Amino acid sequence: MEDNRPTKYDDLPLVLDMKEMQKVLGISRTTAYQLVHEEGFPAFRSGNRIKISKEALFEWMAKGRA
């Protein structure tokens, strides 16, 4: 199985969609949706799509909540 996760922070877009977040974190679709519905997780809606700020995601992870 090929690991196609991004390897550099700068290679990521400023705003991630769910699939990009899944790749960054190496998690399943189900886990990603559970995560974005947790209180305090830095996700927001754009229409009917869920988006995650790259900066906010990494700040959230740095706080030890991943």
C-alpha atoms as a PDB file:
ATOM      1  CA  MET A   1       0.000   0.000   0.000  1.00  0.00           C
ATOM      2  CA  GLU A   2       1.396   3.368  -1.045  1.00  0.00           C
ATOM      3  CA  ASP A   3       1.665   6.160   1.526  1.00  0.00           C
ATOM      4  CA  ASN A   4       0.752   9.355  -0.340  1.00  0.00           C
ATOM      5  CA  ARG A   5       0.629  11.623   2.699  1.00  0.00           C
ATOM      6  CA  PRO A   6       2.164  15.085   2.318  1.00  0.00           C
ATOM      7  CA  THR A   7       5.617  15.272   3.863  1.00  0.00           C
ATOM      8  CA  LYS A   8       5.999  19.046   4.220  1.00  0.00           C
ATOM      9  CA  TYR A   9       3.839  21.569   6.031  1.00  0.00           C
ATOM     10  CA  ASP A  10       4.335  24.056   3.194  1.00  0.00           C
ATOM     11  CA  ASP A  11       2.988  21.548   0.651  1.00  0.00           C
ATOM     12  CA  LEU A  12      -0.455  21.676   2.266  1.00  0.00           C
ATOM     13  CA  PRO A  13      -3.149  24.147   1.248  1.00  0.00           C
ATOM     14  CA  LEU A  14      -4.118  26.808   3.796  1.00  0.00           C
ATOM     15  CA  VAL A  15      -7.536  25.216   4.210  1.00  0.00           C
ATOM     16  CA  LEU A  16      -7.891  21.446   4.190  1.00  0.00           C
ATOM     17  CA  ASP A  17     -10.905  19.436   3.165  1.00  0.00           C
ATOM     18  CA  MET A  18     -11.808  16.176   4.876  1.00  0.00           C
ATOM     19  CA  LYS A  19      -9.798  13.978   2.501  1.00  0.00           C
ATOM     20  CA  GLU A  20      -6.688  16.104   2.931  1.00  0.00           C
ATOM     21  CA  MET A  21      -7.069  16.022   6.711  1.00  0.00           C
ATOM     22  CA  GLN A  22      -7.446  12.241   6.593  1.00  0.00           C
ATOM     23  CA  LYS A  23      -4.180  11.966   4.647  1.00  0.00           C
ATOM     24  CA  VAL A  24      -2.299  14.322   6.979  1.00  0.00           C
ATOM     25  CA  LEU A  25      -3.420  12.468  10.100  1.00  0.00           C
ATOM     26  CA  GLY A  26      -3.432   8.997   8.561  1.00  0.00           C
ATOM     27  CA  ILE A  27      -6.963   8.282   9.755  1.00  0.00           C
ATOM     28  CA  SER A  28     -10.081   6.725   8.266  1.00  0.00           C
ATOM     29  CA  ARG A  29     -13.091   8.617   6.950  1.00  0.00           C
ATOM     30  CA  THR A  30     -15.162   7.527   9.944  1.00  0.00           C
ATOM     31  CA  THR A  31     -12.525   8.695  12.415  1.00  0.00           C
ATOM     32  CA  ALA A  32     -12.174  12.018  10.590  1.00  0.00           C
ATOM     33  CA  TYR A  33     -15.916  12.710  10.870  1.00  0.00           C
ATOM     34  CA  GLN A  34     -15.916  11.746  14.554  1.00  0.00           C
ATOM     35  CA  LEU A  35     -12.995  14.106  15.116  1.00  0.00           C
ATOM     36  CA  VAL A  36     -14.556  17.147  13.432  1.00  0.00           C
ATOM     37  CA  HIS A  37     -17.624  16.786  15.632  1.00  0.00           C
ATOM     38  CA  GLU A  38     -15.592  16.870  18.858  1.00  0.00           C
ATOM     39  CA  GLU A  39     -15.881  20.026  20.907  1.00  0.00           C
ATOM     40  CA  GLY A  40     -12.847  22.237  20.399  1.00  0.00           C
ATOM     41  CA  PHE A  41     -11.775  20.729  17.086  1.00  0.00           C
ATOM     42  CA  PRO A  42     -10.945  23.555  14.624  1.00  0.00           C
ATOM     43  CA  ALA A  43     -13.365  22.687  11.825  1.00  0.00           C
ATOM     44  CA  PHE A  44     -15.867  24.957  10.121  1.00  0.00           C
ATOM     45  CA  ARG A  45     -18.506  24.626   7.450  1.00  0.00           C
ATOM     46  CA  SER A  46     -18.359  26.192   4.020  1.00  0.00           C
ATOM     47  CA  GLY A  47     -21.799  25.529   2.626  1.00  0.00           C
ATOM     48  CA  ASN A  48     -22.307  21.817   3.134  1.00  0.00           C
ATOM     49  CA  ARG A  49     -18.568  21.049   3.188  1.00  0.00           C
ATOM     50  CA  ILE A  50     -16.392  20.735   6.264  1.00  0.00           C
ATOM     51  CA  LYS A  51     -13.087  22.609   6.148  1.00  0.00           C
ATOM     52  CA  ILE A  52     -10.130  22.749   8.509  1.00  0.00           C
ATOM     53  CA  SER A  53      -7.536  25.522   8.721  1.00  0.00           C
ATOM     54  CA  LYS A  54      -4.048  24.029   8.327  1.00  0.00           C
ATOM     55  CA  GLU A  55      -2.644  26.357  10.974  1.00  0.00           C
ATOM     56  CA  ALA A  56      -5.466  25.664  13.440  1.00  0.00           C
ATOM     57  CA  LEU A  57      -5.145  21.894  12.933  1.00  0.00           C
ATOM     58  CA  PHE A  58      -1.433  21.924  13.722  1.00  0.00           C
ATOM     59  CA  GLU A  59      -1.999  24.197  16.741  1.00  0.00           C
ATOM     60  CA  TRP A  60      -4.682  21.784  17.962  1.00  0.00           C
ATOM     61  CA  MET A  61      -2.294  18.842  17.568  1.00  0.00           C
ATOM     62  CA  ALA A  62       0.495  20.723  19.364  1.00  0.00           C
ATOM     63  CA  LYS A  63      -1.787  21.076  22.383  1.00  0.00           C
ATOM     64  CA  GLY A  64      -1.817  17.274  22.603  1.00  0.00           C
ATOM     65  CA  ARG A  65      -5.392  16.614  21.614  1.00  0.00           C
ATOM     66  CA  ALA A  66      -4.697  14.429  18.574  1.00  0.00           C
END
